[in-house]
Amino acid sequence: MTREKRLWVRIVSFVVMLALLLPLSPVTVVEEVRAVTQADIDKLKKQAEDLAEQRRSVQEKLAEARAEKSELMEQKALLEEDIDLIRQTIASIEERIESIQAQIDSIQSQVDALQADIAELDDRIADLEEQIARKQSQLEDTEAKEARLYELFCQRVRLMEEHGQVSYWSILFSSDSFSDLLDNLLMVREFMAYDNEIMEELEELRQTISEEKASLEEDQAQLEQARAELQTAKEEQEKAKQEQEAARQAQEEAKQEQLAAQQELESQEAEVEKLIAQVSATEQELEAEEAELSRSASAADSEIRRMERELAPSISSVQSEGSFAWPLPGRTTLTSLFGGRTDPITGKPATHTGIDIPAPKGTPIHCAKSGVVTVSCMGSGGYWSYGNYVVVSHSDGTSTLYAHMGSRAVSVGDTVSQGTVVGYVGLTGRTTGYHLHFEVRINGSRTDPAKYFSGLSYRKNGRTVRLN
């Protein structure tokens, strides 16, 4: 119902109440009240008929709001679950990025170590090449010196052959006298000493040449090994760089996945915020309805007290039984108890003013105790939530209320006996299913109806428990 319609209904109700109350005088209250009450009843009935379509529209909107809120809450829960999964995905991607980064760092350390090895091998190869070049030059000098000595030795031998002296003995035996022998012997000794020096020097040079060649060959072998190690290090370095590049590509792909997941997360969070705003708006509407319900209960209570005052003589003339009779015989399982509960429409903590007894549509509702009908109308204005409801007041100061009826079987002012059918189970007013909302009041104050009966059960979440 729109704010303008509600305001109009309240104004009409207020005008009707003023019209009813202003003519009253202290002296003639009892007689005039009975006449006015019937007129008031007729006006209330007419008002109920005029507003019936509006009430149905309001009920449909409320049902749509409840369904929409339930759907939004389910959607919100799914989105939040999806957000949790996205966050887990982002965390997993971050771990993968960190792992890849560690791999990249490890490979970089390996590349750096290989680069150091390569630089060391390059220095080593340069040193070996310089050392080999130096030894090669030294070997060439030694070989040249050996060749020169050998050539001198060969020249002396050829010179001796040219003079017919091919051996030291020939020189000695060619002596003509002892004096000549001594001279020849001295000369032979000098030749022998010279030849020995040349031979020793040649031997030393040849030994040096052999050692230098061996050293040179060892250096060349080391050079070849160093070159092979250099090639291996370069190949390993290239392989490491390829692995590093692959890791970087994998890391970049992971970052792209992370970015996409983050964008999706932000989108989902925005959607959740939107849903939260929608749910909040729905909750505010329902909270406003709940506040309206509180006013409805107060208005209904005021109406009941007013009617009880007006019909007090009739009420006192009907003898009430000492105990209450169950209003729905054979149906003793309750779905909502008196007192604190979670409101089935707003989903918030609320106070339930009676008990709910589920029953099929059209089930007869029996009066719990003899008395006078003080209210029988379609709830409207400030107390529309009861739908079709009846209040019976009893002479012992108690009253009983029967709400959400599909139809009523009694009118205001009727005297009813215990067990009389006052109406039939329906789905009018603020309700989520076919049931009777039953209240008991003592001197105008609500009390728990269940404590006046035995053999009752309570069903919740698929389980049924015995109450008394």
Protein backbone atom coordinates (compact mmCIF):
# COMPACT_ATOMS: atom_id res chain seq x y z
CA MET A 1 0.00 0.00 0.00
CA THR A 2 1.37 3.41 -0.90
CA ARG A 3 2.00 6.09 1.70
CA GLU A 4 -0.86 8.24 0.28
CA LYS A 5 -3.33 5.34 0.53
CA ARG A 6 -2.25 4.52 4.08
CA LEU A 7 -2.62 8.18 5.06
CA TRP A 8 -6.07 8.26 3.48
CA VAL A 9 -7.13 5.10 5.33
CA ARG A 10 -5.92 6.54 8.64
CA ILE A 11 -7.76 9.82 8.03
CA VAL A 12 -10.97 7.93 7.22
CA SER A 13 -10.57 5.77 10.32
CA PHE A 14 -9.90 8.82 12.49
CA VAL A 15 -12.94 10.65 11.11
CA VAL A 16 -15.13 7.57 11.70
CA MET A 17 -13.83 7.27 15.27
CA LEU A 18 -14.55 10.96 15.91
CA ALA A 19 -18.01 10.58 14.44
CA LEU A 20 -18.63 7.68 16.78
CA LEU A 21 -17.17 9.21 19.94
CA LEU A 22 -18.27 12.88 19.82
CA PRO A 23 -22.04 12.30 20.27
CA LEU A 24 -21.48 10.26 23.44
CA SER A 25 -22.48 11.72 26.82
CA PRO A 26 -21.67 10.31 30.28
CA VAL A 27 -25.34 9.79 31.15
CA THR A 28 -26.51 7.83 28.08
CA VAL A 29 -23.33 5.88 27.25
CA VAL A 30 -24.72 2.35 27.47
CA GLU A 31 -27.87 2.84 25.39
CA GLU A 32 -26.26 5.06 22.71
CA VAL A 33 -23.20 2.88 22.40
CA ARG A 34 -25.20 -0.14 21.32
CA ALA A 35 -26.88 1.83 18.55
CA VAL A 36 -23.65 3.46 17.42
CA THR A 37 -21.75 0.18 17.57
CA GLN A 38 -23.93 -1.39 14.92
CA ALA A 39 -23.48 1.64 12.68
CA ASP A 40 -19.78 1.52 13.36
CA ILE A 41 -19.78 -2.15 12.42
CA ASP A 42 -21.58 -1.40 9.17
CA LYS A 43 -19.10 1.34 8.36
CA LEU A 44 -16.16 -0.93 9.16
CA LYS A 45 -17.57 -3.64 6.93
CA LYS A 46 -18.11 -1.14 4.12
CA GLN A 47 -14.60 0.18 4.63
CA ALA A 48 -13.23 -3.37 4.59
CA GLU A 49 -14.99 -4.10 1.32
CA ASP A 50 -13.70 -0.88 -0.24
CA LEU A 51 -10.15 -1.65 0.83
CA ALA A 52 -10.21 -5.40 0.15
CA GLU A 53 -8.63 -4.98 -3.26
CA GLN A 54 -5.97 -2.70 -1.83
CA ARG A 55 -5.20 -5.24 0.91
CA ARG A 56 -4.85 -8.02 -1.64
CA SER A 57 -2.49 -5.83 -3.63
CA VAL A 58 -0.45 -5.14 -0.49
CA GLN A 59 -0.34 -8.85 0.34
CA GLU A 60 0.83 -9.67 -3.18
CA LYS A 61 3.55 -7.04 -2.94
CA LEU A 62 4.61 -8.40 0.44
CA ALA A 63 4.76 -11.92 -0.98
CA GLU A 64 6.84 -10.64 -3.88
CA ALA A 65 9.13 -8.77 -1.47
CA ARG A 66 9.60 -11.90 0.64
CA ALA A 67 10.36 -14.01 -2.41
CA GLU A 68 12.67 -11.34 -3.78
CA LYS A 69 14.51 -11.05 -0.47
CA SER A 70 14.88 -14.83 -0.24
CA GLU A 71 16.15 -14.97 -3.81
CA LEU A 72 18.54 -12.09 -3.22
CA MET A 73 19.90 -13.70 -0.07
CA GLU A 74 20.47 -16.98 -1.93
CA GLN A 75 22.15 -15.09 -4.78
CA LYS A 76 24.25 -13.15 -2.27
CA ALA A 77 25.33 -16.41 -0.60
CA LEU A 78 26.30 -17.91 -3.98
CA LEU A 79 28.21 -14.77 -4.93
CA GLU A 80 30.04 -14.75 -1.60
CA GLU A 81 30.91 -18.41 -2.12
CA ASP A 82 32.17 -17.54 -5.61
CA ILE A 83 34.18 -14.66 -4.15
CA ASP A 84 35.79 -17.03 -1.66
CA LEU A 85 36.75 -19.36 -4.52
CA ILE A 86 38.15 -16.43 -6.52
CA ARG A 87 40.17 -15.32 -3.50
CA GLN A 88 41.51 -18.85 -3.11
CA THR A 89 42.37 -18.84 -6.83
CA ILE A 90 44.19 -15.51 -6.45
CA ALA A 91 46.08 -16.84 -3.41
CA SER A 92 47.03 -19.96 -5.38
CA ILE A 93 48.20 -17.84 -8.32
CA GLU A 94 50.21 -15.63 -5.97
CA GLU A 95 51.89 -18.73 -4.54
CA ARG A 96 52.60 -19.90 -8.09
CA ILE A 97 54.05 -16.48 -9.00
CA GLU A 98 56.24 -16.54 -5.89
CA SER A 99 57.37 -20.09 -6.70
CA ILE A 100 58.18 -19.09 -10.28
CA GLN A 101 60.03 -16.02 -9.01
CA ALA A 102 62.07 -18.26 -6.71
CA GLN A 103 62.80 -20.48 -9.71
CA ILE A 104 63.82 -17.43 -11.76
CA ASP A 105 66.08 -16.22 -8.95
CA SER A 106 67.64 -19.68 -8.63
CA ILE A 107 68.23 -19.85 -12.37
CA GLN A 108 69.68 -16.33 -12.29
CA SER A 109 72.11 -17.43 -9.58
CA GLN A 110 73.02 -20.39 -11.75
CA VAL A 111 73.48 -18.10 -14.77
CA ASP A 112 75.63 -15.74 -12.71
CA ALA A 113 77.73 -18.65 -11.43
CA LEU A 114 78.15 -19.97 -14.98
CA GLN A 115 79.08 -16.49 -16.15
CA ALA A 116 81.74 -16.34 -13.45
CA ASP A 117 82.97 -19.79 -14.54
CA ILE A 118 83.04 -18.63 -18.16
CA ALA A 119 85.02 -15.51 -17.24
CA GLU A 120 87.43 -17.65 -15.22
CA LEU A 121 87.78 -20.11 -18.09
CA ASP A 122 88.35 -17.24 -20.51
CA ASP A 123 91.15 -15.93 -18.28
CA ARG A 124 92.55 -19.42 -17.91
CA ILE A 125 92.46 -20.01 -21.67
CA ALA A 126 94.15 -16.65 -22.28
CA ASP A 127 96.86 -17.52 -19.75
CA LEU A 128 97.34 -20.96 -21.30
CA GLU A 129 97.50 -19.52 -24.79
CA GLU A 130 100.06 -16.95 -23.64
CA GLN A 131 102.01 -19.65 -21.80
CA ILE A 132 101.90 -21.96 -24.82
CA ALA A 133 103.04 -19.16 -27.11
CA ARG A 134 105.90 -18.37 -24.74
CA LYS A 135 106.92 -22.04 -24.46
CA GLN A 136 106.58 -22.47 -28.20
CA SER A 137 108.97 -19.56 -28.73
CA GLN A 138 111.32 -20.97 -26.10
CA LEU A 139 111.19 -24.41 -27.73
CA GLU A 140 111.96 -22.91 -31.09
CA ASP A 141 114.98 -21.09 -29.60
CA THR A 142 116.19 -24.31 -27.95
CA GLU A 143 115.75 -26.31 -31.14
CA ALA A 144 117.62 -23.63 -33.09
CA LYS A 145 120.46 -23.69 -30.57
CA GLU A 146 120.60 -27.51 -30.72
CA ALA A 147 120.68 -27.35 -34.50
CA ARG A 148 123.57 -24.87 -34.43
CA LEU A 149 125.61 -27.06 -32.04
CA TYR A 150 124.93 -30.12 -34.06
CA GLU A 151 125.98 -28.29 -37.19
CA LEU A 152 129.28 -27.24 -35.55
CA PHE A 153 129.94 -30.81 -34.49
CA CYS A 154 129.23 -32.04 -38.01
CA GLN A 155 131.54 -29.36 -39.45
CA ARG A 156 134.40 -30.47 -37.20
CA VAL A 157 133.86 -34.11 -38.15
CA ARG A 158 133.84 -33.17 -41.84
CA LEU A 159 137.00 -31.12 -41.32
CA MET A 160 138.75 -34.11 -39.75
CA GLU A 161 137.64 -36.33 -42.61
CA GLU A 162 139.01 -33.82 -45.08
CA HIS A 163 142.39 -34.08 -43.35
CA GLY A 164 142.22 -37.86 -43.22
CA GLN A 165 141.58 -37.90 -39.46
CA VAL A 166 138.47 -39.80 -38.79
CA SER A 167 139.22 -40.86 -35.23
CA TYR A 168 141.30 -39.92 -32.20
CA TRP A 169 143.41 -43.12 -32.62
CA SER A 170 144.28 -42.22 -36.14
CA ILE A 171 145.68 -38.92 -34.89
CA LEU A 172 147.77 -40.65 -32.27
CA PHE A 173 149.10 -43.36 -34.60
CA SER A 174 150.01 -40.79 -37.19
CA SER A 175 152.68 -39.34 -34.81
CA ASP A 176 156.24 -39.42 -36.14
CA SER A 177 157.98 -39.11 -32.81
CA PHE A 178 157.32 -39.22 -29.13
CA SER A 179 157.28 -35.51 -29.03
CA ASP A 180 154.77 -35.49 -31.88
CA LEU A 181 152.74 -38.14 -29.99
CA LEU A 182 152.60 -35.94 -26.94
CA ASP A 183 151.48 -33.02 -29.03
CA ASN A 184 148.88 -35.17 -30.77
CA LEU A 185 147.71 -36.57 -27.43
CA LEU A 186 147.28 -33.03 -26.06
CA MET A 187 145.36 -32.08 -29.17
CA VAL A 188 143.18 -35.22 -28.91
CA ARG A 189 142.40 -34.38 -25.29
CA GLU A 190 141.33 -30.89 -26.32
CA PHE A 191 139.17 -32.33 -29.11
CA MET A 192 137.64 -34.84 -26.76
CA ALA A 193 136.92 -32.20 -24.14
CA TYR A 194 135.37 -30.00 -26.78
CA ASP A 195 133.34 -32.84 -28.24
CA ASN A 196 132.21 -33.89 -24.79
CA GLU A 197 131.11 -30.36 -24.03
CA ILE A 198 129.22 -30.22 -27.29
CA MET A 199 127.66 -33.64 -26.69
CA GLU A 200 126.70 -32.77 -23.14
CA GLU A 201 125.24 -29.49 -24.27
CA LEU A 202 123.44 -31.26 -27.11
CA GLU A 203 122.11 -33.83 -24.61
CA GLU A 204 120.96 -31.10 -22.27
CA LEU A 205 119.33 -29.23 -25.13
CA ARG A 206 117.59 -32.36 -26.33
CA GLN A 207 116.40 -33.08 -22.78
CA THR A 208 115.20 -29.50 -22.48
CA ILE A 209 113.46 -29.79 -25.84
CA SER A 210 111.77 -33.01 -24.69
CA GLU A 211 110.62 -31.45 -21.43
CA GLU A 212 109.43 -28.30 -23.14
CA LYS A 213 107.49 -30.36 -25.68
CA ALA A 214 105.92 -32.40 -22.90
CA SER A 215 105.03 -29.22 -20.98
CA LEU A 216 103.72 -27.68 -24.15
CA GLU A 217 101.61 -30.74 -24.89
CA GLU A 218 100.26 -30.67 -21.31
CA ASP A 219 99.39 -27.01 -21.66
CA GLN A 220 97.70 -27.67 -24.98
CA ALA A 221 95.74 -30.52 -23.38
CA GLN A 222 94.69 -28.18 -20.56
CA LEU A 223 93.79 -25.58 -23.15
CA GLU A 224 91.60 -28.06 -25.00
CA GLN A 225 89.98 -29.12 -21.72
CA ALA A 226 89.41 -25.49 -20.75
CA ARG A 227 87.88 -24.82 -24.16
CA ALA A 228 85.62 -27.86 -23.76
CA GLU A 229 84.62 -26.71 -20.27
CA LEU A 230 83.99 -23.23 -21.65
CA GLN A 231 81.74 -24.64 -24.35
CA THR A 232 79.86 -26.74 -21.79
CA ALA A 233 79.47 -23.73 -19.49
CA LYS A 234 78.16 -21.61 -22.37
CA GLU A 235 75.69 -24.35 -23.34
CA GLU A 236 74.53 -24.70 -19.73
CA GLN A 237 74.22 -20.94 -19.46
CA GLU A 238 72.16 -20.78 -22.64
CA LYS A 239 69.94 -23.59 -21.38
CA ALA A 240 69.52 -21.80 -18.04
CA LYS A 241 68.60 -18.59 -19.84
CA GLN A 242 65.99 -20.46 -21.88
CA GLU A 243 64.58 -21.96 -18.69
CA GLN A 244 64.59 -18.52 -17.12
CA GLU A 245 62.77 -17.04 -20.10
CA ALA A 246 60.18 -19.84 -19.96
CA ALA A 247 59.74 -19.20 -16.24
CA ARG A 248 59.27 -15.49 -16.89
CA GLN A 249 56.65 -16.23 -19.52
CA ALA A 250 54.89 -18.56 -17.06
CA GLN A 251 55.09 -15.84 -14.43
CA GLU A 252 53.65 -13.28 -16.84
CA GLU A 253 50.80 -15.67 -17.69
CA ALA A 254 50.18 -16.20 -13.97
CA LYS A 255 50.10 -12.43 -13.45
CA GLN A 256 47.57 -12.11 -16.26
CA GLU A 257 45.48 -14.82 -14.59
CA GLN A 258 45.82 -12.99 -11.30
CA LEU A 259 44.74 -9.72 -12.91
CA ALA A 260 41.72 -11.39 -14.51
CA ALA A 261 40.82 -13.06 -11.21
CA GLN A 262 41.21 -9.75 -9.38
CA GLN A 263 38.97 -8.00 -11.90
CA GLU A 264 36.40 -10.76 -11.54
CA LEU A 265 36.68 -10.48 -7.76
CA GLU A 266 36.07 -6.74 -7.92
CA SER A 267 33.10 -7.33 -10.21
CA GLN A 268 31.66 -9.96 -7.89
CA GLU A 269 32.24 -7.78 -4.84
CA ALA A 270 30.47 -4.91 -6.59
CA GLU A 271 27.60 -7.29 -7.36
CA VAL A 272 27.48 -8.37 -3.72
CA GLU A 273 27.46 -4.73 -2.61
CA LYS A 274 24.60 -4.11 -5.00
CA LEU A 275 22.72 -7.12 -3.64
CA ILE A 276 23.44 -6.02 -0.07
CA ALA A 277 22.00 -2.60 -0.90
CA GLN A 278 18.91 -4.25 -2.41
CA VAL A 279 18.53 -6.58 0.56
CA SER A 280 19.04 -3.66 2.94
CA ALA A 281 16.33 -1.72 1.14
CA THR A 282 14.05 -4.76 1.34
CA GLU A 283 14.88 -5.19 5.02
CA GLN A 284 14.10 -1.53 5.66
CA GLU A 285 10.74 -1.98 3.98
CA LEU A 286 10.06 -5.10 6.03
CA GLU A 287 11.21 -3.36 9.21
CA ALA A 288 8.79 -0.56 8.40
CA GLU A 289 6.11 -3.21 7.94
CA GLU A 290 7.12 -4.73 11.26
CA ALA A 291 6.76 -1.35 12.95
CA GLU A 292 3.41 -1.04 11.25
CA LEU A 293 2.51 -4.44 12.67
CA SER A 294 3.30 -3.23 16.16
CA ARG A 295 0.97 -0.31 15.59
CA SER A 296 -1.50 -2.80 14.14
CA ALA A 297 -1.44 -4.88 17.31
CA SER A 298 -1.91 -1.78 19.44
CA ALA A 299 -4.77 -0.60 17.25
CA ALA A 300 -6.40 -4.02 17.41
CA ASP A 301 -6.04 -4.07 21.19
CA SER A 302 -7.58 -0.63 21.43
CA GLU A 303 -10.47 -1.71 19.22
CA ILE A 304 -11.05 -4.82 21.31
CA ARG A 305 -11.03 -2.83 24.57
CA ARG A 306 -13.41 -0.28 23.10
CA MET A 307 -15.82 -2.91 21.91
CA GLU A 308 -15.59 -4.78 25.23
CA ARG A 309 -16.52 -1.57 27.06
CA GLU A 310 -19.43 -0.99 24.73
CA LEU A 311 -20.67 -4.57 25.01
CA ALA A 312 -19.84 -4.99 28.70
CA PRO A 313 -23.47 -5.59 29.80
CA SER A 314 -23.91 -8.32 27.18
CA ILE A 315 -20.60 -9.94 28.07
CA SER A 316 -21.34 -10.07 31.78
CA SER A 317 -24.67 -11.73 31.13
CA VAL A 318 -23.06 -14.78 29.42
CA GLN A 319 -21.72 -17.37 31.85
CA SER A 320 -18.19 -18.46 30.86
CA GLU A 321 -16.87 -22.01 31.35
CA GLY A 322 -14.09 -22.67 33.80
CA SER A 323 -11.68 -23.87 31.08
CA PHE A 324 -10.98 -23.29 27.39
CA ALA A 325 -11.93 -25.75 24.63
CA TRP A 326 -9.45 -26.37 21.79
CA PRO A 327 -10.49 -24.29 18.73
CA LEU A 328 -9.39 -26.86 16.10
CA PRO A 329 -10.34 -30.32 17.35
CA GLY A 330 -7.95 -33.06 16.21
CA ARG A 331 -5.23 -30.61 15.18
CA THR A 332 -2.93 -30.18 18.16
CA THR A 333 0.47 -29.67 16.49
CA LEU A 334 1.71 -26.08 16.56
CA THR A 335 4.10 -24.45 14.10
CA SER A 336 4.80 -21.27 16.10
CA LEU A 337 4.76 -20.69 19.84
CA PHE A 338 3.92 -17.69 21.98
CA GLY A 339 6.72 -15.23 22.78
CA GLY A 340 10.10 -14.60 21.15
CA ARG A 341 10.78 -16.06 17.70
CA THR A 342 12.34 -15.23 14.33
CA ASP A 343 9.75 -13.50 12.23
CA PRO A 344 9.05 -15.70 9.14
CA ILE A 345 8.75 -12.64 6.91
CA THR A 346 11.36 -10.16 8.13
CA GLY A 347 13.79 -12.82 9.37
CA LYS A 348 14.44 -10.73 12.48
CA PRO A 349 13.75 -11.40 16.17
CA ALA A 350 10.13 -10.58 17.06
CA THR A 351 7.45 -11.32 19.64
CA HIS A 352 4.64 -13.67 18.63
CA THR A 353 1.37 -12.66 20.30
CA GLY A 354 -0.27 -16.07 20.10
CA ILE A 355 0.15 -19.60 18.75
CA ASP A 356 -0.17 -20.85 15.16
CA ILE A 357 -2.16 -24.04 14.47
CA PRO A 358 -1.84 -25.31 10.87
CA ALA A 359 -4.96 -26.71 9.21
CA PRO A 360 -6.37 -27.12 5.69
CA LYS A 361 -8.27 -24.32 4.06
CA GLY A 362 -11.87 -24.13 5.24
CA THR A 363 -11.39 -26.08 8.48
CA PRO A 364 -14.07 -24.94 10.99
CA ILE A 365 -12.82 -22.84 13.91
CA HIS A 366 -14.68 -23.37 17.20
CA CYS A 367 -15.13 -20.86 20.00
CA ALA A 368 -12.93 -21.74 22.98
CA LYS A 369 -15.34 -20.40 25.64
CA SER A 370 -18.82 -18.90 25.76
CA GLY A 371 -19.03 -15.16 25.39
CA VAL A 372 -19.94 -12.20 23.17
CA VAL A 373 -18.37 -11.37 19.79
CA THR A 374 -16.74 -7.97 20.24
CA VAL A 375 -14.83 -7.86 16.93
CA SER A 376 -15.64 -9.52 13.59
CA CYS A 377 -14.09 -7.84 10.62
CA MET A 378 -11.44 -7.83 7.94
CA GLY A 379 -8.44 -6.17 9.55
CA SER A 380 -7.74 -2.84 7.87
CA GLY A 381 -6.02 0.43 8.48
CA GLY A 382 -3.76 0.03 11.49
CA TYR A 383 -4.53 -3.68 12.05
CA TRP A 384 -4.73 -5.26 8.59
CA SER A 385 -2.23 -8.03 9.45
CA TYR A 386 -4.87 -10.21 11.19
CA GLY A 387 -6.87 -10.49 7.98
CA ASN A 388 -10.36 -11.82 8.74
CA TYR A 389 -10.47 -12.10 12.52
CA VAL A 390 -12.89 -12.53 15.37
CA VAL A 391 -12.58 -11.62 19.06
CA VAL A 392 -14.84 -13.20 21.67
CA SER A 393 -14.90 -11.63 25.14
CA HIS A 394 -15.82 -13.74 28.15
CA SER A 395 -17.40 -12.77 31.43
CA ASP A 396 -14.41 -13.98 33.48
CA GLY A 397 -12.21 -11.15 32.15
CA THR A 398 -10.62 -13.23 29.38
CA SER A 399 -10.95 -12.88 25.63
CA THR A 400 -9.92 -15.07 22.68
CA LEU A 401 -8.84 -13.98 19.19
CA TYR A 402 -9.06 -16.05 15.98
CA ALA A 403 -7.15 -14.61 12.99
CA HIS A 404 -6.34 -15.21 9.27
CA MET A 405 -9.80 -16.70 8.63
CA GLY A 406 -10.90 -17.36 5.10
CA SER A 407 -14.37 -16.29 6.17
CA ARG A 408 -16.20 -15.36 9.40
CA ALA A 409 -19.36 -17.02 10.71
CA VAL A 410 -20.33 -14.51 13.43
CA SER A 411 -20.93 -10.77 13.76
CA VAL A 412 -20.27 -8.21 16.47
CA GLY A 413 -22.75 -8.49 19.32
CA ASP A 414 -23.48 -12.18 18.72
CA THR A 415 -23.64 -14.37 21.80
CA VAL A 416 -21.71 -17.60 21.18
CA SER A 417 -21.38 -20.80 23.17
CA GLN A 418 -18.28 -22.88 23.68
CA GLY A 419 -17.75 -24.95 20.50
CA THR A 420 -19.70 -22.58 18.22
CA VAL A 421 -18.11 -22.20 14.77
CA VAL A 422 -16.88 -18.62 14.53
CA GLY A 423 -15.13 -18.91 11.15
CA TYR A 424 -12.99 -21.02 8.82
CA VAL A 425 -9.22 -21.41 8.32
CA GLY A 426 -7.90 -19.19 5.56
CA LEU A 427 -4.93 -17.22 4.27
CA THR A 428 -5.87 -13.59 4.86
CA GLY A 429 -3.72 -10.87 6.37
CA ARG A 430 -0.03 -11.26 7.04
CA THR A 431 0.58 -14.98 6.80
CA THR A 432 2.76 -17.51 4.99
CA GLY A 433 0.38 -20.49 4.97
CA TYR A 434 -3.02 -21.81 6.00
CA HIS A 435 -3.32 -21.75 9.78
CA LEU A 436 -5.23 -20.31 12.72
CA HIS A 437 -3.55 -17.61 14.78
CA PHE A 438 -5.04 -18.03 18.25
CA GLU A 439 -4.63 -15.58 21.16
CA VAL A 440 -5.77 -15.52 24.77
CA ARG A 441 -5.98 -12.29 26.79
CA ILE A 442 -6.51 -11.86 30.52
CA ASN A 443 -7.86 -8.43 31.38
CA GLY A 444 -6.47 -7.17 28.07
CA SER A 445 -2.97 -8.64 28.46
CA ARG A 446 -1.83 -11.42 26.14
CA THR A 447 -0.79 -14.71 27.68
CA ASP A 448 0.48 -18.03 26.32
CA PRO A 449 -2.58 -19.98 25.09
CA ALA A 450 -0.68 -23.31 25.17
CA LYS A 451 -0.59 -23.38 28.97
CA TYR A 452 -4.40 -23.78 29.11
CA PHE A 453 -4.34 -27.01 27.08
CA SER A 454 -2.75 -30.45 27.25
CA GLY A 455 -1.61 -32.93 24.59
CA LEU A 456 -0.03 -30.27 22.36
CA SER A 457 3.04 -30.78 20.14
CA TYR A 458 5.40 -28.41 18.34
CA ARG A 459 6.92 -29.01 14.92
CA LYS A 460 10.13 -27.24 13.83
CA ASN A 461 12.74 -28.08 11.18
CA GLY A 462 11.05 -31.40 10.44
CA ARG A 463 11.01 -32.53 14.10
CA THR A 464 7.98 -32.79 16.37
CA VAL A 465 8.26 -32.52 20.18
CA ARG A 466 5.65 -32.91 22.87
CA LEU A 467 4.87 -29.71 24.77
CA ASN A 468 2.64 -30.95 27.63
